[in-house]
Amino acid sequence: MKRLFDLVLALCVAAVLLVPVAIIALAVRLTSPGPALYWSDRVGRNNRIFKMPKFRSMRIGTPAVATHLLSDPKAYLTPIGPFLRKSSLDELPQLWSILVGDMSFVGPRPALFNQTDLIDLRTGQGVHLLVPGLTGWAQVNGRDELPIPVKVQFDAEYLQRRSLAFDIRILWLTFVKVLKRDGVTH
């Protein structure tokens, strides 16, 4: 049921956002050298690595680490990077990951391949069994501001409470947070 919900919603959203996605891709290309998309190595279900696309908001050559680990994250942003991140428009290409089954609309956010502390804690809680999501229970409860152990607590709570109704609630809360630009640090 969840997979069918993801496919139908992803196809509908992709159809509606086709023109805006093309405009964003063009804007990324025109404002900084390099491709419009950045394919990030992420940890998926059962700790399998997959390639997750995002609109490129950082300059070519930025280290592949969590943004908060960069000494001066703003120095790596492209001219439109701050706008893409604050509006969460950099996440739109992840519709592709949902369509191919690497991600779901709702689940724990996919960890970077080198975030071993997060991966280990999630594995210990059984969270690694879930398909990662575009948004999740941790995102609507603090997003970038949460310490890793707290994120994992929210991910474990999602594992226990998951249902279509809970997913719809999380999607609604995400929509509200994105509109308010709540919980975005960079």
N, C-alpha and C. Protein backbone atom coordinates (compact mmCIF):
# COMPACT_ATOMS: atom_id res chain seq x y z
N MET A 1 0.82 -1.20 0.00
CA MET A 1 0.00 0.00 0.00
C MET A 1 0.87 1.26 0.00
N LYS A 2 1.92 1.26 0.85
CA LYS A 2 2.79 2.43 0.95
C LYS A 2 3.49 2.68 -0.39
N ARG A 3 3.98 1.61 -1.03
CA ARG A 3 4.67 1.75 -2.31
C ARG A 3 3.73 2.30 -3.37
N LEU A 4 2.51 1.82 -3.41
CA LEU A 4 1.53 2.32 -4.37
C LEU A 4 1.24 3.80 -4.11
N PHE A 5 1.07 4.17 -2.84
CA PHE A 5 0.85 5.57 -2.47
C PHE A 5 2.02 6.42 -2.96
N ASP A 6 3.26 5.96 -2.72
CA ASP A 6 4.45 6.69 -3.16
C ASP A 6 4.48 6.87 -4.68
N LEU A 7 4.21 5.81 -5.41
CA LEU A 7 4.25 5.89 -6.88
C LEU A 7 3.20 6.85 -7.43
N VAL A 8 1.97 6.74 -6.96
CA VAL A 8 0.91 7.61 -7.46
C VAL A 8 1.20 9.06 -7.12
N LEU A 9 1.58 9.33 -5.86
CA LEU A 9 1.87 10.69 -5.45
C LEU A 9 3.08 11.25 -6.19
N ALA A 10 4.14 10.45 -6.36
CA ALA A 10 5.35 10.91 -7.06
C ALA A 10 5.05 11.25 -8.52
N LEU A 11 4.25 10.44 -9.18
CA LEU A 11 3.89 10.72 -10.57
C LEU A 11 3.07 12.00 -10.68
N CYS A 12 2.12 12.18 -9.76
CA CYS A 12 1.30 13.40 -9.77
C CYS A 12 2.14 14.64 -9.50
N VAL A 13 3.00 14.58 -8.49
CA VAL A 13 3.86 15.71 -8.14
C VAL A 13 4.83 16.01 -9.28
N ALA A 14 5.41 14.97 -9.87
CA ALA A 14 6.36 15.16 -10.98
C ALA A 14 5.68 15.85 -12.17
N ALA A 15 4.45 15.46 -12.46
CA ALA A 15 3.73 16.07 -13.58
C ALA A 15 3.47 17.56 -13.31
N VAL A 16 3.08 17.88 -12.09
CA VAL A 16 2.79 19.26 -11.73
C VAL A 16 4.06 20.11 -11.71
N LEU A 17 5.16 19.52 -11.27
CA LEU A 17 6.41 20.29 -11.09
C LEU A 17 7.39 20.19 -12.25
N LEU A 18 6.99 19.61 -13.36
CA LEU A 18 7.91 19.43 -14.48
C LEU A 18 8.53 20.74 -14.95
N VAL A 19 7.73 21.76 -15.16
CA VAL A 19 8.26 23.05 -15.64
C VAL A 19 9.12 23.73 -14.56
N PRO A 20 8.64 23.82 -13.29
CA PRO A 20 9.50 24.42 -12.27
C PRO A 20 10.85 23.67 -12.10
N VAL A 21 10.83 22.36 -12.20
CA VAL A 21 12.07 21.59 -12.08
C VAL A 21 13.02 21.95 -13.22
N ALA A 22 12.51 22.08 -14.42
CA ALA A 22 13.35 22.46 -15.56
C ALA A 22 13.93 23.87 -15.37
N ILE A 23 13.13 24.78 -14.84
CA ILE A 23 13.60 26.15 -14.59
C ILE A 23 14.70 26.15 -13.52
N ILE A 24 14.50 25.38 -12.45
CA ILE A 24 15.52 25.32 -11.39
C ILE A 24 16.81 24.72 -11.93
N ALA A 25 16.70 23.66 -12.72
CA ALA A 25 17.90 23.05 -13.30
C ALA A 25 18.66 24.05 -14.16
N LEU A 26 17.96 24.82 -14.95
CA LEU A 26 18.58 25.84 -15.79
C LEU A 26 19.23 26.92 -14.92
N ALA A 27 18.56 27.34 -13.87
CA ALA A 27 19.10 28.36 -12.97
C ALA A 27 20.38 27.89 -12.30
N VAL A 28 20.42 26.63 -11.89
CA VAL A 28 21.64 26.08 -11.27
C VAL A 28 22.78 26.12 -12.28
N ARG A 29 22.51 25.68 -13.49
CA ARG A 29 23.55 25.65 -14.54
C ARG A 29 24.05 27.05 -14.89
N LEU A 30 23.15 28.03 -14.92
CA LEU A 30 23.53 29.38 -15.31
C LEU A 30 24.27 30.16 -14.22
N THR A 31 24.10 29.75 -12.96
CA THR A 31 24.69 30.52 -11.86
C THR A 31 25.98 29.92 -11.29
N SER A 32 26.35 28.72 -11.74
CA SER A 32 27.61 28.13 -11.28
C SER A 32 28.05 27.02 -12.23
N PRO A 33 29.35 26.85 -12.38
CA PRO A 33 29.83 25.79 -13.27
C PRO A 33 29.53 24.41 -12.70
N GLY A 34 29.27 23.47 -13.59
CA GLY A 34 29.01 22.10 -13.18
C GLY A 34 27.59 21.67 -13.50
N PRO A 35 27.28 20.42 -13.20
CA PRO A 35 25.95 19.90 -13.50
C PRO A 35 24.88 20.47 -12.58
N ALA A 36 23.63 20.37 -13.00
CA ALA A 36 22.52 20.85 -12.18
C ALA A 36 22.27 19.93 -11.00
N LEU A 37 22.54 18.64 -11.18
CA LEU A 37 22.28 17.65 -10.13
C LEU A 37 23.57 17.22 -9.46
N TYR A 38 23.45 16.95 -8.17
CA TYR A 38 24.53 16.33 -7.40
C TYR A 38 24.00 14.97 -6.95
N TRP A 39 24.74 13.91 -7.24
CA TRP A 39 24.33 12.57 -6.86
C TRP A 39 25.13 12.16 -5.62
N SER A 40 24.45 12.11 -4.51
CA SER A 40 25.07 11.86 -3.22
C SER A 40 24.96 10.38 -2.84
N ASP A 41 26.06 9.80 -2.35
CA ASP A 41 26.01 8.42 -1.84
C ASP A 41 25.29 8.43 -0.50
N ARG A 42 24.17 7.73 -0.43
CA ARG A 42 23.34 7.70 0.78
C ARG A 42 23.08 6.27 1.21
N VAL A 43 22.70 6.12 2.46
CA VAL A 43 22.41 4.81 3.02
C VAL A 43 20.91 4.57 2.98
N GLY A 44 20.54 3.49 2.32
CA GLY A 44 19.13 3.15 2.17
C GLY A 44 18.72 2.00 3.06
N ARG A 45 17.65 1.36 2.65
CA ARG A 45 17.12 0.21 3.41
C ARG A 45 18.18 -0.87 3.54
N ASN A 46 18.27 -1.47 4.71
CA ASN A 46 19.26 -2.50 5.03
C ASN A 46 20.69 -2.01 4.86
N ASN A 47 20.89 -0.71 5.05
CA ASN A 47 22.21 -0.07 4.97
C ASN A 47 22.87 -0.21 3.60
N ARG A 48 22.06 -0.35 2.56
CA ARG A 48 22.58 -0.42 1.19
C ARG A 48 22.81 1.00 0.68
N ILE A 49 23.95 1.21 0.02
CA ILE A 49 24.28 2.53 -0.54
C ILE A 49 23.54 2.71 -1.87
N PHE A 50 22.96 3.89 -2.03
CA PHE A 50 22.34 4.24 -3.30
C PHE A 50 22.70 5.69 -3.63
N LYS A 51 22.49 6.08 -4.87
CA LYS A 51 22.78 7.44 -5.34
C LYS A 51 21.50 8.27 -5.26
N MET A 52 21.54 9.35 -4.47
CA MET A 52 20.38 10.21 -4.29
C MET A 52 20.63 11.56 -4.96
N PRO A 53 19.76 11.96 -5.90
CA PRO A 53 19.97 13.24 -6.57
C PRO A 53 19.39 14.43 -5.78
N LYS A 54 20.10 15.53 -5.88
CA LYS A 54 19.63 16.81 -5.33
C LYS A 54 20.04 17.88 -6.33
N PHE A 55 19.31 18.99 -6.36
CA PHE A 55 19.82 20.11 -7.12
C PHE A 55 21.07 20.59 -6.41
N ARG A 56 22.10 20.88 -7.18
CA ARG A 56 23.39 21.26 -6.61
C ARG A 56 23.30 22.65 -5.99
N SER A 57 23.49 22.71 -4.68
CA SER A 57 23.48 23.99 -3.96
C SER A 57 24.88 24.36 -3.48
N MET A 58 25.82 23.43 -3.61
CA MET A 58 27.20 23.66 -3.18
C MET A 58 28.12 23.65 -4.42
N ARG A 59 29.22 24.32 -4.28
CA ARG A 59 30.20 24.38 -5.38
C ARG A 59 30.83 23.02 -5.63
N ILE A 60 31.30 22.84 -6.85
CA ILE A 60 32.02 21.62 -7.21
C ILE A 60 33.27 21.53 -6.31
N GLY A 61 33.55 20.34 -5.80
CA GLY A 61 34.73 20.15 -4.95
C GLY A 61 34.46 20.28 -3.46
N THR A 62 33.21 20.54 -3.07
CA THR A 62 32.86 20.61 -1.65
C THR A 62 33.02 19.22 -1.05
N PRO A 63 33.66 19.11 0.13
CA PRO A 63 33.80 17.78 0.76
C PRO A 63 32.45 17.11 0.99
N ALA A 64 32.41 15.79 0.83
CA ALA A 64 31.16 15.02 0.99
C ALA A 64 30.94 14.68 2.46
N VAL A 65 30.62 15.72 3.24
CA VAL A 65 30.32 15.54 4.67
C VAL A 65 29.04 16.30 4.98
N ALA A 66 28.47 16.02 6.14
CA ALA A 66 27.29 16.77 6.57
C ALA A 66 27.66 18.25 6.64
N THR A 67 26.74 19.11 6.23
CA THR A 67 27.00 20.55 6.15
C THR A 67 27.53 21.11 7.45
N HIS A 68 27.01 20.66 8.59
CA HIS A 68 27.45 21.21 9.87
C HIS A 68 28.91 20.87 10.19
N LEU A 69 29.51 19.93 9.46
CA LEU A 69 30.91 19.57 9.69
C LEU A 69 31.88 20.42 8.86
N LEU A 70 31.37 21.22 7.94
CA LEU A 70 32.22 22.12 7.16
C LEU A 70 32.62 23.30 8.04
N SER A 71 33.88 23.76 7.90
CA SER A 71 34.34 24.87 8.74
C SER A 71 33.57 26.16 8.44
N ASP A 72 33.26 26.42 7.17
CA ASP A 72 32.49 27.60 6.80
C ASP A 72 31.53 27.21 5.67
N PRO A 73 30.38 26.61 6.02
CA PRO A 73 29.47 26.11 4.99
C PRO A 73 29.06 27.15 3.96
N LYS A 74 28.89 28.39 4.38
CA LYS A 74 28.43 29.43 3.45
C LYS A 74 29.45 29.68 2.33
N ALA A 75 30.71 29.42 2.60
CA ALA A 75 31.76 29.62 1.59
C ALA A 75 31.61 28.63 0.43
N TYR A 76 30.93 27.52 0.64
CA TYR A 76 30.78 26.50 -0.38
C TYR A 76 29.48 26.63 -1.18
N LEU A 77 28.58 27.48 -0.75
CA LEU A 77 27.29 27.60 -1.42
C LEU A 77 27.41 28.28 -2.78
N THR A 78 26.59 27.83 -3.72
CA THR A 78 26.50 28.49 -5.02
C THR A 78 25.68 29.76 -4.84
N PRO A 79 25.64 30.64 -5.84
CA PRO A 79 24.84 31.87 -5.70
C PRO A 79 23.37 31.62 -5.36
N ILE A 80 22.77 30.56 -5.90
CA ILE A 80 21.36 30.30 -5.56
C ILE A 80 21.21 29.18 -4.52
N GLY A 81 22.33 28.68 -4.02
CA GLY A 81 22.31 27.62 -3.02
C GLY A 81 21.50 27.94 -1.78
N PRO A 82 21.69 29.12 -1.18
CA PRO A 82 20.90 29.43 0.03
C PRO A 82 19.39 29.40 -0.23
N PHE A 83 18.96 29.93 -1.37
CA PHE A 83 17.53 29.92 -1.71
C PHE A 83 17.04 28.49 -1.89
N LEU A 84 17.81 27.67 -2.62
CA LEU A 84 17.39 26.28 -2.86
C LEU A 84 17.24 25.53 -1.54
N ARG A 85 18.17 25.75 -0.62
CA ARG A 85 18.12 25.03 0.66
C ARG A 85 17.00 25.53 1.56
N LYS A 86 16.87 26.83 1.69
CA LYS A 86 15.83 27.38 2.58
C LYS A 86 14.42 27.04 2.08
N SER A 87 14.26 26.96 0.78
CA SER A 87 12.96 26.63 0.21
C SER A 87 12.76 25.12 0.06
N SER A 88 13.81 24.35 0.31
CA SER A 88 13.84 22.89 0.14
C SER A 88 13.65 22.46 -1.32
N LEU A 89 13.83 23.39 -2.25
CA LEU A 89 13.71 23.04 -3.67
C LEU A 89 14.86 22.13 -4.13
N ASP A 90 15.97 22.15 -3.41
CA ASP A 90 17.09 21.27 -3.77
C ASP A 90 16.70 19.79 -3.63
N GLU A 91 15.63 19.50 -2.89
CA GLU A 91 15.20 18.13 -2.65
C GLU A 91 14.32 17.56 -3.77
N LEU A 92 13.80 18.39 -4.66
CA LEU A 92 12.84 17.93 -5.68
C LEU A 92 13.33 16.75 -6.52
N PRO A 93 14.62 16.69 -6.93
CA PRO A 93 15.04 15.53 -7.74
C PRO A 93 14.91 14.18 -7.02
N GLN A 94 14.69 14.21 -5.71
CA GLN A 94 14.52 12.95 -4.98
C GLN A 94 13.23 12.24 -5.36
N LEU A 95 12.36 12.94 -6.11
CA LEU A 95 11.19 12.25 -6.67
C LEU A 95 11.65 11.06 -7.51
N TRP A 96 12.80 11.20 -8.17
CA TRP A 96 13.36 10.09 -8.95
C TRP A 96 13.64 8.90 -8.04
N SER A 97 14.25 9.16 -6.88
CA SER A 97 14.57 8.07 -5.94
C SER A 97 13.30 7.40 -5.43
N ILE A 98 12.22 8.16 -5.29
CA ILE A 98 10.95 7.58 -4.87
C ILE A 98 10.38 6.71 -6.00
N LEU A 99 10.45 7.20 -7.23
CA LEU A 99 9.92 6.44 -8.37
C LEU A 99 10.65 5.10 -8.56
N VAL A 100 11.97 5.08 -8.35
CA VAL A 100 12.73 3.84 -8.56
C VAL A 100 12.75 2.95 -7.31
N GLY A 101 12.18 3.43 -6.20
CA GLY A 101 12.06 2.60 -5.01
C GLY A 101 13.18 2.71 -4.00
N ASP A 102 14.16 3.59 -4.24
CA ASP A 102 15.24 3.78 -3.26
C ASP A 102 14.76 4.56 -2.04
N MET A 103 13.72 5.37 -2.23
CA MET A 103 13.18 6.19 -1.16
C MET A 103 11.66 6.13 -1.17
N SER A 104 11.09 6.64 -0.08
CA SER A 104 9.65 6.79 0.07
C SER A 104 9.39 8.27 0.35
N PHE A 105 8.15 8.70 0.33
CA PHE A 105 7.88 10.08 0.72
C PHE A 105 8.18 10.27 2.20
N VAL A 106 7.85 9.27 3.03
CA VAL A 106 8.05 9.39 4.47
C VAL A 106 8.88 8.22 4.98
N GLY A 107 9.87 8.54 5.79
CA GLY A 107 10.76 7.56 6.41
C GLY A 107 11.92 8.33 7.02
N PRO A 108 12.88 7.65 7.59
CA PRO A 108 14.05 8.38 8.11
C PRO A 108 14.84 8.98 6.94
N ARG A 109 15.34 10.19 7.10
CA ARG A 109 16.15 10.79 6.03
C ARG A 109 17.37 9.91 5.78
N PRO A 110 17.74 9.70 4.52
CA PRO A 110 18.89 8.83 4.23
C PRO A 110 20.20 9.47 4.71
N ALA A 111 20.94 8.71 5.48
CA ALA A 111 22.22 9.19 6.00
C ALA A 111 23.25 9.25 4.88
N LEU A 112 24.23 10.15 5.04
CA LEU A 112 25.39 10.13 4.17
C LEU A 112 26.16 8.84 4.44
N PHE A 113 26.84 8.33 3.45
CA PHE A 113 27.57 7.07 3.58
C PHE A 113 28.60 7.09 4.71
N ASN A 114 29.09 8.28 5.07
CA ASN A 114 30.15 8.37 6.08
C ASN A 114 29.65 8.81 7.46
N GLN A 115 28.34 8.85 7.68
CA GLN A 115 27.78 9.20 8.98
C GLN A 115 27.62 7.92 9.82
N THR A 116 28.76 7.32 10.18
CA THR A 116 28.74 6.02 10.86
C THR A 116 28.04 6.08 12.21
N ASP A 117 28.14 7.21 12.91
CA ASP A 117 27.46 7.31 14.20
C ASP A 117 25.95 7.19 14.03
N LEU A 118 25.40 7.88 13.06
CA LEU A 118 23.96 7.83 12.77
C LEU A 118 23.57 6.44 12.28
N ILE A 119 24.34 5.88 11.37
CA ILE A 119 24.04 4.55 10.80
C ILE A 119 24.05 3.49 11.89
N ASP A 120 25.06 3.53 12.76
CA ASP A 120 25.16 2.53 13.84
C ASP A 120 23.99 2.63 14.81
N LEU A 121 23.62 3.85 15.20
CA LEU A 121 22.49 4.03 16.12
C LEU A 121 21.18 3.56 15.49
N ARG A 122 20.98 3.89 14.21
CA ARG A 122 19.76 3.44 13.52
C ARG A 122 19.72 1.92 13.42
N THR A 123 20.85 1.32 13.10
CA THR A 123 20.90 -0.14 12.98
C THR A 123 20.56 -0.79 14.32
N GLY A 124 21.08 -0.22 15.39
CA GLY A 124 20.79 -0.75 16.72
C GLY A 124 19.31 -0.68 17.09
N GLN A 125 18.59 0.28 16.51
CA GLN A 125 17.16 0.45 16.79
C GLN A 125 16.26 -0.23 15.75
N GLY A 126 16.86 -0.86 14.74
CA GLY A 126 16.08 -1.51 13.69
C GLY A 126 15.58 -0.57 12.61
N VAL A 127 15.98 0.70 12.68
CA VAL A 127 15.52 1.70 11.72
C VAL A 127 16.06 1.43 10.31
N HIS A 128 17.19 0.73 10.23
CA HIS A 128 17.80 0.43 8.93
C HIS A 128 16.90 -0.44 8.05
N LEU A 129 15.88 -1.04 8.65
CA LEU A 129 14.95 -1.88 7.89
C LEU A 129 13.94 -1.07 7.08
N LEU A 130 13.86 0.24 7.38
CA LEU A 130 12.90 1.11 6.69
C LEU A 130 13.49 1.70 5.41
N VAL A 131 12.63 1.95 4.45
CA VAL A 131 13.02 2.70 3.25
C VAL A 131 13.15 4.16 3.69
N PRO A 132 14.27 4.82 3.36
CA PRO A 132 14.42 6.22 3.78
C PRO A 132 13.42 7.12 3.07
N GLY A 133 13.19 8.29 3.66
CA GLY A 133 12.16 9.17 3.13
C GLY A 133 12.63 10.55 2.74
N LEU A 134 11.83 11.19 1.91
CA LEU A 134 12.02 12.58 1.55
C LEU A 134 11.85 13.46 2.79
N THR A 135 10.94 13.03 3.65
CA THR A 135 10.72 13.69 4.94
C THR A 135 10.48 12.59 5.96
N GLY A 136 10.45 12.99 7.22
CA GLY A 136 10.24 12.00 8.27
C GLY A 136 9.81 12.64 9.57
N TRP A 137 9.57 11.79 10.55
CA TRP A 137 9.11 12.24 11.85
C TRP A 137 10.16 13.13 12.52
N ALA A 138 11.44 12.80 12.34
CA ALA A 138 12.50 13.66 12.90
C ALA A 138 12.52 15.03 12.22
N GLN A 139 12.26 15.08 10.91
CA GLN A 139 12.30 16.35 10.20
C GLN A 139 11.22 17.31 10.68
N VAL A 140 10.05 16.81 10.98
CA VAL A 140 8.99 17.70 11.43
C VAL A 140 9.11 18.02 12.92
N ASN A 141 10.07 17.39 13.58
CA ASN A 141 10.29 17.65 15.01
C ASN A 141 11.64 18.31 15.28
N GLY A 142 12.23 18.94 14.27
CA GLY A 142 13.46 19.66 14.52
C GLY A 142 14.44 19.71 13.36
N ARG A 143 14.36 18.79 12.43
CA ARG A 143 15.17 18.79 11.23
C ARG A 143 16.66 18.89 11.53
N ASP A 144 17.34 19.93 11.03
CA ASP A 144 18.79 20.07 11.16
C ASP A 144 19.23 20.37 12.59
N GLU A 145 18.30 20.80 13.42
CA GLU A 145 18.68 21.25 14.76
C GLU A 145 18.79 20.11 15.78
N LEU A 146 18.36 18.91 15.43
CA LEU A 146 18.34 17.80 16.38
C LEU A 146 19.70 17.11 16.47
N PRO A 147 20.15 16.81 17.68
CA PRO A 147 21.34 15.96 17.82
C PRO A 147 21.04 14.56 17.28
N ILE A 148 22.05 13.87 16.82
CA ILE A 148 21.86 12.56 16.19
C ILE A 148 21.10 11.56 17.08
N PRO A 149 21.41 11.42 18.37
CA PRO A 149 20.64 10.46 19.18
C PRO A 149 19.14 10.80 19.25
N VAL A 150 18.80 12.07 19.23
CA VAL A 150 17.39 12.47 19.26
C VAL A 150 16.73 12.15 17.92
N LYS A 151 17.45 12.39 16.80
CA LYS A 151 16.91 12.02 15.49
C LYS A 151 16.57 10.53 15.46
N VAL A 152 17.49 9.74 15.98
CA VAL A 152 17.30 8.28 15.97
C VAL A 152 16.10 7.89 16.84
N GLN A 153 15.88 8.59 17.95
CA GLN A 153 14.70 8.32 18.78
C GLN A 153 13.42 8.57 17.99
N PHE A 154 13.39 9.68 17.24
CA PHE A 154 12.21 9.96 16.41
C PHE A 154 12.07 8.92 15.30
N ASP A 155 13.20 8.50 14.69
CA ASP A 155 13.15 7.47 13.64
C ASP A 155 12.61 6.15 14.21
N ALA A 156 13.05 5.79 15.42
CA ALA A 156 12.57 4.56 16.06
C ALA A 156 11.08 4.66 16.39
N GLU A 157 10.65 5.86 16.80
CA GLU A 157 9.22 6.06 17.08
C GLU A 157 8.42 5.90 15.79
N TYR A 158 8.95 6.43 14.67
CA TYR A 158 8.27 6.27 13.38
C TYR A 158 8.16 4.78 13.03
N LEU A 159 9.22 4.03 13.26
CA LEU A 159 9.22 2.59 12.98
C LEU A 159 8.05 1.91 13.70
N GLN A 160 7.80 2.30 14.95
CA GLN A 160 6.73 1.70 15.74
C GLN A 160 5.33 2.19 15.33
N ARG A 161 5.23 3.45 14.92
CA ARG A 161 3.92 4.07 14.66
C ARG A 161 3.52 4.10 13.19
N ARG A 162 4.37 3.66 12.30
CA ARG A 162 4.13 3.87 10.87
C ARG A 162 2.78 3.32 10.41
N SER A 163 2.15 4.16 9.60
CA SER A 163 0.86 3.82 8.99
C SER A 163 0.61 4.87 7.92
N LEU A 164 -0.34 4.61 7.05
CA LEU A 164 -0.67 5.58 6.00
C LEU A 164 -1.17 6.89 6.61
N ALA A 165 -1.97 6.79 7.65
CA ALA A 165 -2.49 8.00 8.31
C ALA A 165 -1.35 8.81 8.93
N PHE A 166 -0.39 8.12 9.56
CA PHE A 166 0.75 8.82 10.16
C PHE A 166 1.61 9.46 9.07
N ASP A 167 1.80 8.76 7.95
CA ASP A 167 2.55 9.33 6.83
C ASP A 167 1.88 10.60 6.31
N ILE A 168 0.58 10.57 6.16
CA ILE A 168 -0.15 11.75 5.67
C ILE A 168 0.00 12.90 6.66
N ARG A 169 -0.06 12.61 7.96
CA ARG A 169 0.15 13.66 8.97
C ARG A 169 1.55 14.26 8.83
N ILE A 170 2.56 13.42 8.66
CA ILE A 170 3.94 13.89 8.52
C ILE A 170 4.10 14.72 7.25
N LEU A 171 3.48 14.30 6.15
CA LEU A 171 3.54 15.08 4.91
C LEU A 171 2.91 16.45 5.10
N TRP A 172 1.77 16.52 5.80
CA TRP A 172 1.12 17.80 6.06
C TRP A 172 2.02 18.69 6.92
N LEU A 173 2.58 18.13 8.00
CA LEU A 173 3.47 18.90 8.87
C LEU A 173 4.71 19.38 8.12
N THR A 174 5.21 18.55 7.20
CA THR A 174 6.36 18.94 6.38
C THR A 174 6.00 20.13 5.50
N PHE A 175 4.85 20.07 4.86
CA PHE A 175 4.38 21.15 4.01
C PHE A 175 4.33 22.47 4.80
N VAL A 176 3.80 22.42 5.99
CA VAL A 176 3.71 23.61 6.85
C VAL A 176 5.11 24.11 7.22
N LYS A 177 6.00 23.19 7.60
CA LYS A 177 7.38 23.58 7.98
C LYS A 177 8.13 24.20 6.81
N VAL A 178 7.97 23.62 5.62
CA VAL A 178 8.66 24.16 4.43
C VAL A 178 8.14 25.56 4.12
N LEU A 179 6.85 25.75 4.21
CA LEU A 179 6.29 27.09 3.97
C LEU A 179 6.83 28.11 4.96
N LYS A 180 6.99 27.71 6.21
CA LYS A 180 7.51 28.60 7.24
C LYS A 180 9.04 28.67 7.23
N ARG A 181 9.68 27.77 6.45
CA ARG A 181 11.15 27.64 6.42
C ARG A 181 11.68 27.36 7.81
N ASP A 182 10.97 26.52 8.50
CA ASP A 182 11.24 26.16 9.88
C ASP A 182 12.31 25.08 9.97
N GLY A 183 13.31 25.26 10.81
CA GLY A 183 14.30 24.23 11.08
C GLY A 183 15.38 24.08 10.04
N VAL A 184 15.55 25.03 9.15
CA VAL A 184 16.61 24.97 8.13
C VAL A 184 17.74 25.86 8.59
N THR A 185 18.94 25.27 8.72
CA THR A 185 20.07 26.04 9.22
C THR A 185 20.89 26.67 8.11
N HIS A 186 20.99 26.03 6.94
CA HIS A 186 21.82 26.57 5.84
C HIS A 186 21.06 26.50 4.54
